[in-house]
N, C-alpha and C. Protein backbone atom coordinates (compact mmCIF):
# COMPACT_ATOMS: atom_id res chain seq x y z
N MET A 1 41.25 101.09 -4.10
CA MET A 1 40.84 99.74 -3.88
C MET A 1 41.04 99.42 -2.40
N LEU A 2 40.07 98.72 -1.83
CA LEU A 2 40.15 98.32 -0.42
C LEU A 2 39.89 96.83 -0.32
N ASP A 3 40.79 96.12 0.33
CA ASP A 3 40.65 94.69 0.57
C ASP A 3 40.40 94.49 2.06
N VAL A 4 39.20 94.04 2.40
CA VAL A 4 38.80 93.81 3.79
C VAL A 4 39.07 92.35 4.15
N GLY A 5 39.73 92.13 5.26
CA GLY A 5 40.10 90.77 5.65
C GLY A 5 41.24 90.28 4.78
N CYS A 6 42.21 91.15 4.55
CA CYS A 6 43.27 90.90 3.58
C CYS A 6 44.27 89.84 4.00
N GLY A 7 44.28 89.45 5.26
CA GLY A 7 45.28 88.48 5.71
C GLY A 7 46.67 89.02 5.42
N PRO A 8 47.57 88.18 4.89
CA PRO A 8 48.93 88.66 4.60
C PRO A 8 49.03 89.47 3.30
N GLY A 9 47.90 89.76 2.66
CA GLY A 9 47.90 90.66 1.52
C GLY A 9 48.09 90.04 0.15
N ASN A 10 47.94 88.72 0.05
CA ASN A 10 48.17 88.07 -1.25
C ASN A 10 47.26 88.61 -2.34
N ALA A 11 45.96 88.59 -2.12
CA ALA A 11 45.01 89.10 -3.11
C ALA A 11 45.14 90.61 -3.27
N THR A 12 45.44 91.29 -2.18
CA THR A 12 45.61 92.75 -2.23
C THR A 12 46.70 93.10 -3.23
N ARG A 13 47.83 92.43 -3.14
CA ARG A 13 48.94 92.71 -4.04
C ARG A 13 48.57 92.43 -5.49
N ASP A 14 47.85 91.35 -5.74
CA ASP A 14 47.45 91.01 -7.11
C ASP A 14 46.52 92.08 -7.70
N VAL A 15 45.51 92.47 -6.96
CA VAL A 15 44.51 93.42 -7.45
C VAL A 15 45.07 94.84 -7.48
N ALA A 16 45.95 95.18 -6.55
CA ALA A 16 46.50 96.54 -6.46
C ALA A 16 47.21 96.97 -7.73
N LEU A 17 47.68 96.01 -8.50
CA LEU A 17 48.39 96.34 -9.74
C LEU A 17 47.49 97.00 -10.78
N GLN A 18 46.18 96.95 -10.54
CA GLN A 18 45.23 97.58 -11.46
C GLN A 18 44.73 98.94 -10.97
N PHE A 19 45.21 99.38 -9.80
CA PHE A 19 44.72 100.62 -9.19
C PHE A 19 45.86 101.55 -8.82
N GLU A 20 45.55 102.84 -8.78
CA GLU A 20 46.53 103.85 -8.42
C GLU A 20 46.89 103.78 -6.94
N ARG A 21 45.91 103.43 -6.09
CA ARG A 21 46.12 103.35 -4.66
C ARG A 21 45.38 102.15 -4.11
N ALA A 22 45.92 101.55 -3.04
CA ALA A 22 45.30 100.37 -2.46
C ALA A 22 45.52 100.32 -0.96
N VAL A 23 44.50 99.79 -0.27
CA VAL A 23 44.56 99.62 1.18
C VAL A 23 44.11 98.21 1.50
N GLY A 24 44.84 97.53 2.37
CA GLY A 24 44.44 96.23 2.88
C GLY A 24 44.15 96.36 4.36
N ALA A 25 43.04 95.79 4.81
CA ALA A 25 42.66 95.86 6.22
C ALA A 25 42.37 94.46 6.75
N ASP A 26 42.80 94.21 7.97
CA ASP A 26 42.58 92.91 8.61
C ASP A 26 42.58 93.13 10.11
N PRO A 27 41.76 92.38 10.86
CA PRO A 27 41.76 92.55 12.32
C PRO A 27 42.97 91.94 13.02
N GLY A 28 43.69 91.07 12.32
CA GLY A 28 44.83 90.40 12.93
C GLY A 28 46.13 91.18 12.79
N GLU A 29 46.70 91.58 13.92
CA GLU A 29 47.95 92.34 13.88
C GLU A 29 49.07 91.55 13.21
N GLN A 30 49.13 90.24 13.47
CA GLN A 30 50.18 89.42 12.87
C GLN A 30 50.01 89.33 11.35
N MET A 31 48.77 89.29 10.89
CA MET A 31 48.52 89.26 9.45
C MET A 31 48.99 90.56 8.80
N ILE A 32 48.69 91.68 9.43
CA ILE A 32 49.10 92.98 8.87
C ILE A 32 50.62 93.12 8.94
N GLU A 33 51.23 92.63 10.01
CA GLU A 33 52.69 92.67 10.09
C GLU A 33 53.30 91.88 8.94
N ALA A 34 52.74 90.71 8.65
CA ALA A 34 53.23 89.89 7.53
C ALA A 34 53.02 90.61 6.20
N ALA A 35 51.86 91.22 6.03
CA ALA A 35 51.57 91.95 4.79
C ALA A 35 52.54 93.11 4.61
N ARG A 36 52.80 93.83 5.67
CA ARG A 36 53.73 94.97 5.59
C ARG A 36 55.15 94.50 5.28
N GLU A 37 55.53 93.37 5.87
CA GLU A 37 56.87 92.84 5.65
C GLU A 37 57.06 92.47 4.18
N ILE A 38 56.06 91.85 3.58
CA ILE A 38 56.13 91.48 2.17
C ILE A 38 56.01 92.72 1.29
N GLY A 39 55.13 93.64 1.72
CA GLY A 39 54.93 94.88 0.98
C GLY A 39 54.16 94.66 -0.31
N GLY A 40 54.18 95.66 -1.15
CA GLY A 40 53.51 95.59 -2.44
C GLY A 40 53.31 96.97 -3.01
N LYS A 41 53.15 97.02 -4.32
CA LYS A 41 53.00 98.29 -5.02
C LYS A 41 51.72 98.30 -5.84
N THR A 42 51.25 99.51 -6.09
CA THR A 42 50.08 99.70 -6.93
C THR A 42 50.52 99.97 -8.37
N LYS A 43 49.55 100.17 -9.22
CA LYS A 43 49.80 100.50 -10.63
C LYS A 43 50.70 101.73 -10.76
N SER A 44 50.51 102.69 -9.87
CA SER A 44 51.29 103.94 -9.92
C SER A 44 52.66 103.81 -9.25
N GLY A 45 52.92 102.65 -8.65
CA GLY A 45 54.19 102.45 -7.95
C GLY A 45 54.14 102.83 -6.48
N GLU A 46 52.98 103.30 -6.04
CA GLU A 46 52.81 103.67 -4.63
C GLU A 46 52.73 102.39 -3.79
N GLU A 47 53.24 102.47 -2.57
CA GLU A 47 53.17 101.34 -1.64
C GLU A 47 51.72 101.08 -1.25
N ILE A 48 51.36 99.81 -1.13
CA ILE A 48 50.05 99.43 -0.60
C ILE A 48 50.06 99.75 0.89
N ARG A 49 48.98 100.31 1.38
CA ARG A 49 48.87 100.60 2.81
C ARG A 49 48.11 99.45 3.48
N PHE A 50 48.65 98.94 4.56
CA PHE A 50 48.02 97.87 5.32
C PHE A 50 47.70 98.38 6.71
N VAL A 51 46.45 98.17 7.16
CA VAL A 51 46.01 98.66 8.46
C VAL A 51 45.30 97.57 9.25
N VAL A 52 45.45 97.61 10.56
CA VAL A 52 44.73 96.71 11.45
C VAL A 52 43.34 97.31 11.67
N ARG A 53 42.32 96.61 11.21
CA ARG A 53 40.95 97.13 11.33
C ARG A 53 39.96 95.99 11.06
N VAL A 54 38.89 95.91 11.85
CA VAL A 54 37.82 94.96 11.57
C VAL A 54 36.92 95.55 10.48
N ALA A 55 36.25 94.70 9.75
CA ALA A 55 35.42 95.13 8.62
C ALA A 55 34.34 96.12 9.04
N GLU A 56 33.80 95.93 10.23
CA GLU A 56 32.73 96.81 10.71
C GLU A 56 33.20 98.24 10.97
N GLU A 57 34.50 98.45 10.97
CA GLU A 57 35.05 99.78 11.26
C GLU A 57 35.83 100.36 10.09
N ILE A 58 35.56 99.92 8.87
CA ILE A 58 36.33 100.42 7.74
C ILE A 58 36.08 101.90 7.46
N SER A 59 34.93 102.40 7.88
CA SER A 59 34.68 103.83 7.66
C SER A 59 35.64 104.70 8.46
N GLY A 60 36.31 104.12 9.43
CA GLY A 60 37.25 104.88 10.25
C GLY A 60 38.70 104.74 9.81
N ILE A 61 38.93 104.17 8.66
CA ILE A 61 40.31 104.02 8.17
C ILE A 61 40.79 105.38 7.67
N GLU A 62 41.70 105.98 8.43
CA GLU A 62 42.16 107.33 8.14
C GLU A 62 42.78 107.46 6.77
N CYS A 63 43.54 106.47 6.33
CA CYS A 63 44.24 106.62 5.07
C CYS A 63 43.30 106.62 3.86
N LEU A 64 42.05 106.20 4.03
CA LEU A 64 41.10 106.30 2.91
C LEU A 64 40.82 107.76 2.60
N GLU A 65 40.75 108.59 3.61
CA GLU A 65 40.58 110.03 3.38
C GLU A 65 41.81 110.60 2.70
N GLU A 66 42.98 110.16 3.12
CA GLU A 66 44.22 110.64 2.53
C GLU A 66 44.35 110.20 1.08
N VAL A 67 43.89 108.99 0.79
CA VAL A 67 44.05 108.42 -0.53
C VAL A 67 43.27 109.19 -1.58
N ASN A 68 42.01 109.51 -1.30
CA ASN A 68 41.21 110.16 -2.35
C ASN A 68 40.41 111.36 -1.87
N GLY A 69 40.53 111.72 -0.62
CA GLY A 69 39.88 112.92 -0.13
C GLY A 69 38.42 112.78 0.22
N ASN A 70 37.80 111.64 -0.09
CA ASN A 70 36.38 111.51 0.23
C ASN A 70 36.03 110.21 0.94
N GLY A 71 37.01 109.36 1.19
CA GLY A 71 36.77 108.12 1.91
C GLY A 71 36.10 107.04 1.09
N LYS A 72 35.90 107.27 -0.21
CA LYS A 72 35.25 106.29 -1.08
C LYS A 72 36.30 105.47 -1.81
N VAL A 73 35.91 104.28 -2.23
CA VAL A 73 36.81 103.41 -2.99
C VAL A 73 36.13 102.98 -4.29
N ASP A 74 36.94 102.66 -5.28
CA ASP A 74 36.42 102.18 -6.56
C ASP A 74 36.09 100.69 -6.51
N LEU A 75 36.80 99.96 -5.66
CA LEU A 75 36.57 98.51 -5.57
C LEU A 75 36.78 98.07 -4.13
N LEU A 76 35.86 97.26 -3.64
CA LEU A 76 35.95 96.67 -2.30
C LEU A 76 35.95 95.16 -2.49
N ILE A 77 36.98 94.50 -1.98
CA ILE A 77 37.04 93.04 -2.07
C ILE A 77 37.22 92.45 -0.68
N ALA A 78 36.91 91.16 -0.57
CA ALA A 78 37.12 90.41 0.65
C ALA A 78 37.56 88.99 0.26
N ALA A 79 38.53 88.92 -0.62
CA ALA A 79 38.95 87.66 -1.21
C ALA A 79 39.47 86.65 -0.19
N MET A 80 40.38 87.05 0.67
CA MET A 80 40.97 86.12 1.64
C MET A 80 40.08 85.90 2.85
N ALA A 81 39.10 86.75 3.06
CA ALA A 81 38.23 86.62 4.22
C ALA A 81 37.30 85.40 4.09
N VAL A 82 37.14 84.90 2.89
CA VAL A 82 36.22 83.77 2.68
C VAL A 82 36.95 82.47 2.43
N SER A 83 38.26 82.49 2.42
CA SER A 83 39.00 81.25 2.13
C SER A 83 39.21 80.43 3.37
């Protein structure tokens, strides 16, 4: 699962509970710092990964390759980006 524009990760944490792995991305360093400080776990108990990245550059998120080996995600959300 990938949350683009995740802000401090509120929606990311909620949705991550349904997935084995999750990544939150936001262009704001302070937002990602806040998300990392709060943290969060996935369905499998793995930590949610939070990265500083603009939506236009999500194909370059290195941990997506690490997560599933092909850079693809099962779900892409942008919940906080529209609030």
